[in-house]
Every structure is written in structure tokens, then in C-alpha cells.
């Protein structure tokens, strides 16, 4: 009798509703559904190739002021959508807002790019604080909130961050570098301090991306622009392992949000990323075969992220 009663109760209990497939082309592609034609967006979607962007940039003051002005950031994000109707909009911001939020001095020099007050010792590392990150980056999240309100219904919204290794190079070198000598010196000669910096950046990057999801980002991308500067073993430890940890923790909290990884010029080390970790963005010099998974992973073949150089 009890068995029959339990069986009746089980059959009468409501089944969870079937999850509807996403309606936006990019989200369908990232979920593994066939999409024809494949969705397209540009990695550097807002930029100097647009005359309207150049005009906006002249009125914005410094580049960080530009990034931290929600009205201007929204306008810069929308300009290429209005002109070309891409399938996704990527937030206008910069990977170096994270060091700024941690308390490091960051500025941009016209014609020379980003500059930072380089971390010189453990004391400088000790002064970095992550407890005010969300407050200091509130304008970034305000821009995302407004974009979700005003983007076309079919356009996905992408948030992003720099990967810990790439951001660490800027923090240690004080800007761009050709050989990353200072960062590699910390890695080899000050491994405990370097590991501490990377742990801080994993946590800060996770916090920043989580806040972007809360503000409306539907897809996240993590850019490891300088992954290819590392030898294979160091790349696995300091590029791919932090990326994997961030994705694991993001997926635990937000399983529905796709995360695209871009470890630039990682070569065959791409294969070491777990096949189900995240969709892969490939450098324009390598194409989809770069990961060694494109023929076997539907996600790797359903959408296309292209650079302006490809269009030329």
C-alpha cells in the first residue's frame, strides 16, 4: 500500500518545466544549437575605424574617464550595433579597470597606451585591496544595466575581463612589454609573491565578472592576450589553470552563462583546456583548428568571432 501511495505521489508531483532554447543567435550557438547563418561580432567592435567613435572619443577626456562614464560607454557600445547590426554587443570598457579597482594607479597616455605605477615589492602588493572593487567599478555595471534596457531584442550582451596572467604583466611591468622580463622575474625569483598576486587576480576577476552577470551580461569573455609569451609548462600553470578556476567557479554560480576563453597564441596548449570548460575563441592566424577540438565540439563551430583584419 505504501509503495502504491508513494508511486502515485511521485507521478502526481509536477515535473520541472523544460528549459526553452535561447532566442538570441549567439546564445543558441554557444548552447550547441545549429544557427544559420552563424552569428558574428567583432572583438574590437567599438574603435577608431568608426568616425562616430572618433568624435565621441574627443569629447570624453581621458580614456579611463571614457570607460567610467556610463552614458559614453553605452553610446560607444551601441555605435557598431546601429551601423552593422552585429549579433552581439561587447561592453565598452578595458581590462585594466581591475588593477584600478584594486588600488593601483592606472592611466593612459595618448599614442603610448596604458601606464601603471608598477608593483615594485611585496609592500606594494600588500597595499592592493579587493574589498572596494564593486564600488569602484559601479559605473561599469551601470553601463551594462542600461545596455540591457536599450539593446535590440535579438542582440546578446557580452561582458569581459582580462585573465590574471595578462593583467599581472601590466601591473608588474608598468605597461605594455615586449619580453615581460619583470613579470617572468617575479615568477622565477619571487614565486610566493607572484602566486599571491595571481590568487588576488583570480578572486578580483571572478568578482568583476560575477557583478557583470548581475548587471545584465549574458555572455562573458576572458582575454589572456599574452598567454603566448609563456613557455608551455608556465602557460599551463599561470594562464590555463587560473582560467579554469575562474570558469569552474563562475559555472558553479551561473551555469546558464556561457564563458568564452581567449588564451591568445597558446598553440597546442589549447588542447589542455577541458573540452567542456568553455567555448574557445581562436586567434585570426590559426582559425578554428587552433584548439584541436573544432571538429568534435559543436560549440567551437557554431559561432564566429572575427577581427577587423579578417574583413580587410
C-alpha atoms as a PDB file:
ATOM      1  CA  UNK A   1       0.000   0.000   0.000  1.00  0.00           C
ATOM      2  CA  UNK A   2       2.761   2.423   0.972  1.00  0.00           C
ATOM      3  CA  UNK A   3       4.599   1.667  -2.256  1.00  0.00           C
ATOM      4  CA  UNK A   4       1.488   2.404  -4.328  1.00  0.00           C
ATOM      5  CA  UNK A   5       0.901   5.641  -2.424  1.00  0.00           C
ATOM      6  CA  UNK A   6       4.491   6.774  -2.968  1.00  0.00           C
ATOM      7  CA  UNK A   7       4.251   5.883  -6.648  1.00  0.00           C
ATOM      8  CA  UNK A   8       1.042   7.913  -7.002  1.00  0.00           C
ATOM      9  CA  UNK A   9       2.597  10.880  -5.208  1.00  0.00           C
ATOM     10  CA  UNK A  10       5.671  10.691  -7.411  1.00  0.00           C
ATOM     11  CA  UNK A  11       3.594  10.550 -10.594  1.00  0.00           C
ATOM     12  CA  UNK A  12       1.426  13.435  -9.390  1.00  0.00           C
ATOM     13  CA  UNK A  13       4.348  15.694  -8.485  1.00  0.00           C
ATOM     14  CA  UNK A  14       4.885  18.425 -11.073  1.00  0.00           C
ATOM     15  CA  UNK A  15       7.762  17.927 -13.472  1.00  0.00           C
ATOM     16  CA  UNK A  16      10.248  20.763 -13.840  1.00  0.00           C
ATOM     17  CA  UNK A  17       9.433  22.868 -16.903  1.00  0.00           C
ATOM     18  CA  UNK A  18      11.509  22.224 -19.981  1.00  0.00           C
ATOM     19  CA  UNK A  19      14.091  24.921 -20.493  1.00  0.00           C
ATOM     20  CA  UNK A  20      13.353  26.915 -23.616  1.00  0.00           C
ATOM     21  CA  UNK A  21      16.209  27.294 -26.060  1.00  0.00           C
ATOM     22  CA  UNK A  22      17.646  30.806 -26.047  1.00  0.00           C
ATOM     23  CA  UNK A  23      16.189  33.119 -28.674  1.00  0.00           C
ATOM     24  CA  UNK A  24      19.343  35.128 -29.475  1.00  0.00           C
ATOM     25  CA  UNK A  25      21.553  33.733 -32.215  1.00  0.00           C
ATOM     26  CA  UNK A  26      24.814  33.929 -30.258  1.00  0.00           C
ATOM     27  CA  UNK A  27      23.298  32.267 -27.198  1.00  0.00           C
ATOM     28  CA  UNK A  28      21.836  29.488 -29.353  1.00  0.00           C
ATOM     29  CA  UNK A  29      25.227  28.918 -30.960  1.00  0.00           C
ATOM     30  CA  UNK A  30      27.020  28.821 -27.619  1.00  0.00           C
ATOM     31  CA  UNK A  31      24.492  26.299 -26.325  1.00  0.00           C
ATOM     32  CA  UNK A  32      25.369  23.959 -29.204  1.00  0.00           C
ATOM     33  CA  UNK A  33      22.341  24.587 -31.411  1.00  0.00           C
ATOM     34  CA  UNK A  34      22.783  24.948 -35.166  1.00  0.00           C
ATOM     35  CA  UNK A  35      22.497  28.558 -36.316  1.00  0.00           C
ATOM     36  CA  UNK A  36      22.495  29.571 -39.966  1.00  0.00           C
ATOM     37  CA  UNK A  37      23.992  31.985 -40.750  1.00  0.00           C
ATOM     38  CA  UNK A  38      26.424  31.835 -37.824  1.00  0.00           C
ATOM     39  CA  UNK A  39      26.366  34.849 -35.500  1.00  0.00           C
ATOM     40  CA  UNK A  40      29.156  37.391 -35.893  1.00  0.00           C
ATOM     41  CA  UNK A  41      30.654  40.048 -33.653  1.00  0.00           C
ATOM     42  CA  UNK A  42      33.976  41.890 -33.605  1.00  0.00           C
ATOM     43  CA  UNK A  43      36.482  41.590 -30.788  1.00  0.00           C
ATOM     44  CA  UNK A  44      37.343  45.293 -31.084  1.00  0.00           C
ATOM     45  CA  UNK A  45      33.856  46.249 -32.058  1.00  0.00           C
ATOM     46  CA  UNK A  46      33.915  49.897 -30.959  1.00  0.00           C
ATOM     47  CA  UNK A  47      37.004  51.764 -32.066  1.00  0.00           C
ATOM     48  CA  UNK A  48      38.840  54.097 -34.337  1.00  0.00           C
ATOM     49  CA  UNK A  49      37.533  52.528 -37.543  1.00  0.00           C
ATOM     50  CA  UNK A  50      34.211  54.246 -36.768  1.00  0.00           C
ATOM     51  CA  UNK A  51      34.078  58.018 -37.415  1.00  0.00           C
ATOM     52  CA  UNK A  52      31.337  58.382 -34.811  1.00  0.00           C
ATOM     53  CA  UNK A  53      33.589  56.724 -32.241  1.00  0.00           C
ATOM     54  CA  UNK A  54      36.444  59.117 -33.027  1.00  0.00           C
ATOM     55  CA  UNK A  55      34.099  62.055 -32.491  1.00  0.00           C
ATOM     56  CA  UNK A  56      32.864  60.588 -29.211  1.00  0.00           C
ATOM     57  CA  UNK A  57      36.414  59.902 -28.032  1.00  0.00           C
ATOM     58  CA  UNK A  58      37.405  63.542 -28.486  1.00  0.00           C
ATOM     59  CA  UNK A  59      34.676  64.613 -26.069  1.00  0.00           C
ATOM     60  CA  UNK A  60      35.434  62.016 -23.422  1.00  0.00           C
ATOM     61  CA  UNK A  61      38.514  63.338 -21.611  1.00  0.00           C
ATOM     62  CA  UNK A  62      40.938  60.620 -20.501  1.00  0.00           C
ATOM     63  CA  UNK A  63      40.393  57.032 -21.567  1.00  0.00           C
ATOM     64  CA  UNK A  64      39.523  55.918 -18.027  1.00  0.00           C
ATOM     65  CA  UNK A  65      37.018  58.775 -17.772  1.00  0.00           C
ATOM     66  CA  UNK A  66      35.551  57.430 -21.004  1.00  0.00           C
ATOM     67  CA  UNK A  67      35.252  53.909 -19.547  1.00  0.00           C
ATOM     68  CA  UNK A  68      33.757  55.171 -16.284  1.00  0.00           C
ATOM     69  CA  UNK A  69      31.131  57.399 -17.892  1.00  0.00           C
ATOM     70  CA  UNK A  70      28.101  55.096 -18.309  1.00  0.00           C
ATOM     71  CA  UNK A  71      26.437  57.347 -20.886  1.00  0.00           C
ATOM     72  CA  UNK A  72      29.541  57.428 -23.104  1.00  0.00           C
ATOM     73  CA  UNK A  73      30.309  53.719 -22.603  1.00  0.00           C
ATOM     74  CA  UNK A  74      26.766  52.820 -23.633  1.00  0.00           C
ATOM     75  CA  UNK A  75      26.993  55.017 -26.719  1.00  0.00           C
ATOM     76  CA  UNK A  76      30.339  53.516 -27.753  1.00  0.00           C
ATOM     77  CA  UNK A  77      28.930  50.005 -27.304  1.00  0.00           C
ATOM     78  CA  UNK A  78      25.845  50.764 -29.396  1.00  0.00           C
ATOM     79  CA  UNK A  79      27.575  52.513 -32.319  1.00  0.00           C
ATOM     80  CA  UNK A  80      28.669  49.355 -34.188  1.00  0.00           C
ATOM     81  CA  UNK A  81      25.301  47.717 -33.483  1.00  0.00           C
ATOM     82  CA  UNK A  82      23.488  50.606 -35.139  1.00  0.00           C
ATOM     83  CA  UNK A  83      25.854  50.621 -38.108  1.00  0.00           C
ATOM     84  CA  UNK A  84      26.261  46.889 -38.762  1.00  0.00           C
ATOM     85  CA  UNK A  85      23.624  45.029 -36.763  1.00  0.00           C
ATOM     86  CA  UNK A  86      26.035  42.525 -35.214  1.00  0.00           C
ATOM     87  CA  UNK A  87      24.614  39.612 -33.269  1.00  0.00           C
ATOM     88  CA  UNK A  88      26.237  40.703 -30.012  1.00  0.00           C
ATOM     89  CA  UNK A  89      27.355  43.893 -28.307  1.00  0.00           C
ATOM     90  CA  UNK A  90      30.502  43.785 -26.194  1.00  0.00           C
ATOM     91  CA  UNK A  91      30.686  46.266 -23.350  1.00  0.00           C
ATOM     92  CA  UNK A  92      32.983  49.225 -23.953  1.00  0.00           C
ATOM     93  CA  UNK A  93      35.494  49.035 -21.119  1.00  0.00           C
ATOM     94  CA  UNK A  94      39.089  47.902 -20.531  1.00  0.00           C
ATOM     95  CA  UNK A  95      40.837  45.001 -18.817  1.00  0.00           C
ATOM     96  CA  UNK A  96      42.849  47.426 -16.656  1.00  0.00           C
ATOM     97  CA  UNK A  97      39.853  48.643 -14.691  1.00  0.00           C
ATOM     98  CA  UNK A  98      40.577  45.710 -12.345  1.00  0.00           C
ATOM     99  CA  UNK A  99      44.050  46.948 -11.227  1.00  0.00           C
ATOM    100  CA  UNK A 100      42.497  50.391 -10.826  1.00  0.00           C
ATOM    101  CA  UNK A 101      39.758  48.924  -8.622  1.00  0.00           C
ATOM    102  CA  UNK A 102      42.393  47.132  -6.534  1.00  0.00           C
ATOM    103  CA  UNK A 103      44.065  50.467  -5.791  1.00  0.00           C
ATOM    104  CA  UNK A 104      46.887  50.603  -8.339  1.00  0.00           C
ATOM    105  CA  UNK A 105      47.454  53.849 -10.180  1.00  0.00           C
ATOM    106  CA  UNK A 106      46.423  53.453 -13.836  1.00  0.00           C
ATOM    107  CA  UNK A 107      46.381  55.997 -16.642  1.00  0.00           C
ATOM    108  CA  UNK A 108      46.539  56.099 -20.437  1.00  0.00           C
ATOM    109  CA  UNK A 109      48.945  58.218 -22.448  1.00  0.00           C
ATOM    110  CA  UNK A 110      47.888  59.300 -25.916  1.00  0.00           C
ATOM    111  CA  UNK A 111      49.874  57.408 -28.511  1.00  0.00           C
ATOM    112  CA  UNK A 112      51.660  55.267 -25.885  1.00  0.00           C
ATOM    113  CA  UNK A 113      48.876  53.222 -24.347  1.00  0.00           C
ATOM    114  CA  UNK A 114      48.299  52.133 -20.753  1.00  0.00           C
ATOM    115  CA  UNK A 115      50.621  53.087 -17.920  1.00  0.00           C
ATOM    116  CA  UNK A 116      50.582  51.806 -14.351  1.00  0.00           C
ATOM    117  CA  UNK A 117      52.585  52.520 -11.226  1.00  0.00           C
ATOM    118  CA  UNK A 118      54.433  49.206 -11.348  1.00  0.00           C
ATOM    119  CA  UNK A 119      54.399  46.931  -8.322  1.00  0.00           C
ATOM    120  CA  UNK A 120      57.977  47.021  -7.082  1.00  0.00           C
ATOM    121  CA  UNK A 121      57.936  44.855  -3.985  1.00  0.00           C
ATOM    122  CA  UNK A 122      55.811  42.874  -1.554  1.00  0.00           C
ATOM    123  CA  UNK A 123      54.780  46.050   0.265  1.00  0.00           C
ATOM    124  CA  UNK A 124      53.179  47.381  -2.929  1.00  0.00           C
ATOM    125  CA  UNK A 125      51.376  44.072  -3.312  1.00  0.00           C
ATOM    126  CA  UNK A 126      50.154  44.302   0.288  1.00  0.00           C
ATOM    127  CA  UNK A 127      48.529  47.667  -0.462  1.00  0.00           C
ATOM    128  CA  UNK A 128      46.200  46.186  -3.075  1.00  0.00           C
ATOM    129  CA  UNK A 129      42.683  45.707  -1.745  1.00  0.00           C
ATOM    130  CA  UNK A 130      39.730  43.931  -3.337  1.00  0.00           C
ATOM    131  CA  UNK A 131      37.034  44.915  -0.851  1.00  0.00           C
ATOM    132  CA  UNK A 132      36.006  48.061  -2.770  1.00  0.00           C
ATOM    133  CA  UNK A 133      36.118  46.565  -6.254  1.00  0.00           C
ATOM    134  CA  UNK A 134      32.383  46.598  -6.918  1.00  0.00           C
ATOM    135  CA  UNK A 135      32.014  50.138  -5.579  1.00  0.00           C
ATOM    136  CA  UNK A 136      34.894  51.475  -7.671  1.00  0.00           C
ATOM    137  CA  UNK A 137      33.581  49.752 -10.796  1.00  0.00           C
ATOM    138  CA  UNK A 138      29.954  50.716 -10.263  1.00  0.00           C
ATOM    139  CA  UNK A 139      29.928  52.885 -13.456  1.00  0.00           C
ATOM    140  CA  UNK A 140      30.853  49.813 -15.497  1.00  0.00           C
ATOM    141  CA  UNK A 141      27.902  47.881 -14.117  1.00  0.00           C
ATOM    142  CA  UNK A 142      25.597  50.868 -14.616  1.00  0.00           C
ATOM    143  CA  UNK A 143      26.526  50.845 -18.317  1.00  0.00           C
ATOM    144  CA  UNK A 144      25.635  47.155 -18.565  1.00  0.00           C
ATOM    145  CA  UNK A 145      22.284  47.739 -16.893  1.00  0.00           C
ATOM    146  CA  UNK A 146      21.428  50.469 -19.380  1.00  0.00           C
ATOM    147  CA  UNK A 147      22.588  48.365 -22.327  1.00  0.00           C
ATOM    148  CA  UNK A 148      20.238  45.536 -21.367  1.00  0.00           C
ATOM    149  CA  UNK A 149      17.405  48.054 -21.470  1.00  0.00           C
ATOM    150  CA  UNK A 150      18.200  49.564 -24.843  1.00  0.00           C
ATOM    151  CA  UNK A 151      19.792  46.841 -26.984  1.00  0.00           C
ATOM    152  CA  UNK A 152      17.670  45.273 -29.718  1.00  0.00           C
ATOM    153  CA  UNK A 153      15.871  42.164 -28.506  1.00  0.00           C
ATOM    154  CA  UNK A 154      17.917  39.891 -30.789  1.00  0.00           C
ATOM    155  CA  UNK A 155      21.326  41.247 -29.687  1.00  0.00           C
ATOM    156  CA  UNK A 156      23.265  39.438 -26.960  1.00  0.00           C
ATOM    157  CA  UNK A 157      25.307  41.401 -24.425  1.00  0.00           C
ATOM    158  CA  UNK A 158      28.895  40.338 -23.710  1.00  0.00           C
ATOM    159  CA  UNK A 159      30.834  41.340 -20.608  1.00  0.00           C
ATOM    160  CA  UNK A 160      34.533  40.663 -20.248  1.00  0.00           C
ATOM    161  CA  UNK A 161      37.703  40.815 -18.188  1.00  0.00           C
ATOM    162  CA  UNK A 162      41.403  40.257 -18.648  1.00  0.00           C
ATOM    163  CA  UNK A 163      42.891  36.968 -17.494  1.00  0.00           C
ATOM    164  CA  UNK A 164      45.074  37.020 -14.366  1.00  0.00           C
ATOM    165  CA  UNK A 165      48.358  36.427 -16.231  1.00  0.00           C
ATOM    166  CA  UNK A 166      47.790  39.187 -18.767  1.00  0.00           C
ATOM    167  CA  UNK A 167      46.631  41.692 -16.135  1.00  0.00           C
ATOM    168  CA  UNK A 168      49.571  40.742 -13.899  1.00  0.00           C
ATOM    169  CA  UNK A 169      52.034  41.611 -16.680  1.00  0.00           C
ATOM    170  CA  UNK A 170      50.700  45.170 -16.836  1.00  0.00           C
ATOM    171  CA  UNK A 171      50.751  45.503 -13.070  1.00  0.00           C
ATOM    172  CA  UNK A 172      54.369  44.344 -12.805  1.00  0.00           C
ATOM    173  CA  UNK A 173      55.797  45.882 -15.980  1.00  0.00           C
ATOM    174  CA  UNK A 174      54.034  49.220 -15.559  1.00  0.00           C
ATOM    175  CA  UNK A 175      52.545  48.994 -19.037  1.00  0.00           C
ATOM    176  CA  UNK A 176      52.985  47.065 -22.246  1.00  0.00           C
ATOM    177  CA  UNK A 177      56.094  44.961 -22.715  1.00  0.00           C
ATOM    178  CA  UNK A 178      57.904  43.090 -25.451  1.00  0.00           C
ATOM    179  CA  UNK A 179      59.634  40.496 -23.299  1.00  0.00           C
ATOM    180  CA  UNK A 180      57.725  40.569 -19.964  1.00  0.00           C
ATOM    181  CA  UNK A 181      61.062  40.401 -18.177  1.00  0.00           C
ATOM    182  CA  UNK A 182      59.811  41.814 -14.874  1.00  0.00           C
ATOM    183  CA  UNK A 183      56.789  39.502 -14.708  1.00  0.00           C
ATOM    184  CA  UNK A 184      58.950  36.482 -15.537  1.00  0.00           C
ATOM    185  CA  UNK A 185      61.499  37.564 -12.916  1.00  0.00           C
ATOM    186  CA  UNK A 186      58.780  37.623 -10.252  1.00  0.00           C
ATOM    187  CA  UNK A 187      57.582  34.226 -11.473  1.00  0.00           C
ATOM    188  CA  UNK A 188      61.053  32.687 -11.193  1.00  0.00           C
ATOM    189  CA  UNK A 189      62.705  34.598  -8.327  1.00  0.00           C
ATOM    190  CA  UNK A 190      59.733  35.636  -6.198  1.00  0.00           C
ATOM    191  CA  UNK A 191      57.329  32.746  -6.662  1.00  0.00           C
ATOM    192  CA  UNK A 192      55.413  33.284  -3.410  1.00  0.00           C
ATOM    193  CA  UNK A 193      54.728  36.947  -4.157  1.00  0.00           C
ATOM    194  CA  UNK A 194      53.835  36.116  -7.752  1.00  0.00           C
ATOM    195  CA  UNK A 195      51.444  33.381  -6.636  1.00  0.00           C
ATOM    196  CA  UNK A 196      49.869  35.812  -4.173  1.00  0.00           C
ATOM    197  CA  UNK A 197      49.286  38.347  -6.942  1.00  0.00           C
ATOM    198  CA  UNK A 198      47.758  35.700  -9.191  1.00  0.00           C
ATOM    199  CA  UNK A 199      45.441  34.491  -6.409  1.00  0.00           C
ATOM    200  CA  UNK A 200      44.301  38.063  -5.844  1.00  0.00           C
ATOM    201  CA  UNK A 201      43.623  38.498  -9.554  1.00  0.00           C
ATOM    202  CA  UNK A 202      41.669  35.244  -9.786  1.00  0.00           C
ATOM    203  CA  UNK A 203      39.397  36.467  -6.979  1.00  0.00           C
ATOM    204  CA  UNK A 204      39.110  40.010  -8.380  1.00  0.00           C
ATOM    205  CA  UNK A 205      38.391  38.790 -11.905  1.00  0.00           C
ATOM    206  CA  UNK A 206      35.727  36.425 -10.604  1.00  0.00           C
ATOM    207  CA  UNK A 207      34.155  39.247  -8.585  1.00  0.00           C
ATOM    208  CA  UNK A 208      34.167  41.583 -11.588  1.00  0.00           C
ATOM    209  CA  UNK A 209      32.619  39.025 -13.934  1.00  0.00           C
ATOM    210  CA  UNK A 210      30.011  37.991 -11.368  1.00  0.00           C
ATOM    211  CA  UNK A 211      28.993  41.631 -10.957  1.00  0.00           C
ATOM    212  CA  UNK A 212      28.686  41.936 -14.734  1.00  0.00           C
ATOM    213  CA  UNK A 213      26.286  38.992 -14.814  1.00  0.00           C
ATOM    214  CA  UNK A 214      24.216  40.628 -12.075  1.00  0.00           C
ATOM    215  CA  UNK A 215      24.135  43.824 -14.140  1.00  0.00           C
ATOM    216  CA  UNK A 216      22.898  42.056 -17.268  1.00  0.00           C
ATOM    217  CA  UNK A 217      25.765  40.419 -19.162  1.00  0.00           C
ATOM    218  CA  UNK A 218      24.513  37.299 -20.969  1.00  0.00           C
ATOM    219  CA  UNK A 219      27.914  36.033 -22.139  1.00  0.00           C
ATOM    220  CA  UNK A 220      31.356  36.506 -20.605  1.00  0.00           C
ATOM    221  CA  UNK A 221      34.732  36.510 -22.306  1.00  0.00           C
ATOM    222  CA  UNK A 222      38.140  36.322 -20.637  1.00  0.00           C
ATOM    223  CA  UNK A 223      41.062  37.689 -22.642  1.00  0.00           C
ATOM    224  CA  UNK A 224      44.513  36.241 -21.989  1.00  0.00           C
ATOM    225  CA  UNK A 225      46.242  38.378 -24.595  1.00  0.00           C
ATOM    226  CA  UNK A 226      49.785  37.466 -23.520  1.00  0.00           C
ATOM    227  CA  UNK A 227      49.327  33.733 -22.893  1.00  0.00           C
ATOM    228  CA  UNK A 228      51.625  33.008 -25.823  1.00  0.00           C
ATOM    229  CA  UNK A 229      54.529  34.778 -24.095  1.00  0.00           C
ATOM    230  CA  UNK A 230      54.851  31.851 -21.679  1.00  0.00           C
ATOM    231  CA  UNK A 231      56.593  28.530 -22.303  1.00  0.00           C
ATOM    232  CA  UNK A 232      54.266  25.544 -22.272  1.00  0.00           C
ATOM    233  CA  UNK A 233      54.681  24.477 -18.626  1.00  0.00           C
ATOM    234  CA  UNK A 234      54.364  28.025 -17.305  1.00  0.00           C
ATOM    235  CA  UNK A 235      51.384  28.598 -19.601  1.00  0.00           C
ATOM    236  CA  UNK A 236      49.593  25.626 -18.111  1.00  0.00           C
ATOM    237  CA  UNK A 237      50.256  26.820 -14.563  1.00  0.00           C
ATOM    238  CA  UNK A 238      49.819  30.585 -14.872  1.00  0.00           C
ATOM    239  CA  UNK A 239      47.459  31.003 -17.826  1.00  0.00           C
ATOM    240  CA  UNK A 240      45.273  27.928 -18.259  1.00  0.00           C
ATOM    241  CA  UNK A 241      44.961  26.903 -14.596  1.00  0.00           C
ATOM    242  CA  UNK A 242      43.688  30.333 -13.434  1.00  0.00           C
ATOM    243  CA  UNK A 243      41.307  30.451 -16.411  1.00  0.00           C
ATOM    244  CA  UNK A 244      39.991  27.013 -15.499  1.00  0.00           C
ATOM    245  CA  UNK A 245      39.500  28.021 -11.860  1.00  0.00           C
ATOM    246  CA  UNK A 246      37.578  31.168 -12.811  1.00  0.00           C
ATOM    247  CA  UNK A 247      35.334  29.243 -15.210  1.00  0.00           C
ATOM    248  CA  UNK A 248      34.708  26.499 -12.644  1.00  0.00           C
ATOM    249  CA  UNK A 249      33.595  28.991 -10.018  1.00  0.00           C
ATOM    250  CA  UNK A 250      31.543  31.044 -12.463  1.00  0.00           C
ATOM    251  CA  UNK A 251      29.744  27.956 -13.710  1.00  0.00           C
ATOM    252  CA  UNK A 252      29.013  26.832 -10.159  1.00  0.00           C
ATOM    253  CA  UNK A 253      27.187  30.113  -9.536  1.00  0.00           C
ATOM    254  CA  UNK A 254      25.837  30.825 -13.044  1.00  0.00           C
ATOM    255  CA  UNK A 255      25.633  27.609 -15.073  1.00  0.00           C
ATOM    256  CA  UNK A 256      23.449  29.300 -17.670  1.00  0.00           C
ATOM    257  CA  UNK A 257      26.029  31.955 -18.648  1.00  0.00           C
ATOM    258  CA  UNK A 258      28.464  30.962 -21.431  1.00  0.00           C
ATOM    259  CA  UNK A 259      32.117  31.851 -20.824  1.00  0.00           C
ATOM    260  CA  UNK A 260      34.389  32.253 -23.855  1.00  0.00           C
ATOM    261  CA  UNK A 261      38.132  31.878 -23.311  1.00  0.00           C
ATOM    262  CA  UNK A 262      40.790  33.575 -25.440  1.00  0.00           C
ATOM    263  CA  UNK A 263      44.321  32.487 -24.462  1.00  0.00           C
ATOM    264  CA  UNK A 264      45.995  34.176 -27.432  1.00  0.00           C
ATOM    265  CA  UNK A 265      48.707  32.251 -29.264  1.00  0.00           C
ATOM    266  CA  UNK A 266      48.568  29.360 -26.809  1.00  0.00           C
ATOM    267  CA  UNK A 267      49.235  26.936 -29.663  1.00  0.00           C
ATOM    268  CA  UNK A 268      48.909  23.242 -28.890  1.00  0.00           C
ATOM    269  CA  UNK A 269      48.442  24.016 -25.188  1.00  0.00           C
ATOM    270  CA  UNK A 270      44.839  24.866 -26.148  1.00  0.00           C
ATOM    271  CA  UNK A 271      44.289  21.118 -26.049  1.00  0.00           C
ATOM    272  CA  UNK A 272      44.915  21.095 -22.297  1.00  0.00           C
ATOM    273  CA  UNK A 273      41.774  23.083 -21.558  1.00  0.00           C
ATOM    274  CA  UNK A 274      38.948  20.755 -20.512  1.00  0.00           C
ATOM    275  CA  UNK A 275      36.723  20.095 -23.516  1.00  0.00           C
ATOM    276  CA  UNK A 276      33.611  21.192 -21.628  1.00  0.00           C
ATOM    277  CA  UNK A 277      35.165  24.120 -19.820  1.00  0.00           C
ATOM    278  CA  UNK A 278      34.123  26.867 -22.196  1.00  0.00           C
ATOM    279  CA  UNK A 279      33.812  27.783 -25.857  1.00  0.00           C
ATOM    280  CA  UNK A 280      37.125  28.823 -27.369  1.00  0.00           C
ATOM    281  CA  UNK A 281      37.974  31.998 -29.280  1.00  0.00           C
ATOM    282  CA  UNK A 282      40.798  31.482 -31.735  1.00  0.00           C
ATOM    283  CA  UNK A 283      43.430  33.930 -32.903  1.00  0.00           C
ATOM    284  CA  UNK A 284      42.974  35.017 -36.526  1.00  0.00           C
ATOM    285  CA  UNK A 285      46.288  33.432 -37.568  1.00  0.00           C
ATOM    286  CA  UNK A 286      45.127  29.920 -36.594  1.00  0.00           C
ATOM    287  CA  UNK A 287      41.422  29.600 -37.355  1.00  0.00           C
ATOM    288  CA  UNK A 288      39.096  27.119 -35.672  1.00  0.00           C
ATOM    289  CA  UNK A 289      41.589  24.260 -35.850  1.00  0.00           C
ATOM    290  CA  UNK A 290      43.654  26.043 -33.194  1.00  0.00           C
ATOM    291  CA  UNK A 291      42.041  24.170 -30.332  1.00  0.00           C
ATOM    292  CA  UNK A 292      42.182  20.746 -31.875  1.00  0.00           C
ATOM    293  CA  UNK A 293      38.530  20.426 -30.836  1.00  0.00           C
ATOM    294  CA  UNK A 294      36.662  22.249 -33.577  1.00  0.00           C
ATOM    295  CA  UNK A 295      35.744  19.093 -35.490  1.00  0.00           C
ATOM    296  CA  UNK A 296      34.440  17.401 -32.342  1.00  0.00           C
ATOM    297  CA  UNK A 297      32.908  20.256 -30.349  1.00  0.00           C
ATOM    298  CA  UNK A 298      29.757  21.783 -31.771  1.00  0.00           C
ATOM    299  CA  UNK A 299      30.235  24.901 -29.705  1.00  0.00           C
ATOM    300  CA  UNK A 300      33.536  25.539 -31.410  1.00  0.00           C
ATOM    301  CA  UNK A 301      31.980  25.513 -34.868  1.00  0.00           C
ATOM    302  CA  UNK A 302      28.653  27.280 -34.454  1.00  0.00           C
ATOM    303  CA  UNK A 303      29.653  30.887 -33.998  1.00  0.00           C
ATOM    304  CA  UNK A 304      32.373  33.057 -35.335  1.00  0.00           C
ATOM    305  CA  UNK A 305      34.291  35.882 -33.728  1.00  0.00           C
ATOM    306  CA  UNK A 306      36.248  37.814 -36.323  1.00  0.00           C
ATOM    307  CA  UNK A 307      38.803  40.568 -36.270  1.00  0.00           C
ATOM    308  CA  UNK A 308      38.684  43.694 -38.413  1.00  0.00           C
ATOM    309  CA  UNK A 309      41.838  42.439 -40.091  1.00  0.00           C
ATOM    310  CA  UNK A 310      39.908  39.451 -41.442  1.00  0.00           C
ATOM    311  CA  UNK A 311      37.376  41.795 -43.022  1.00  0.00           C
ATOM    312  CA  UNK A 312      40.180  43.613 -44.821  1.00  0.00           C
END
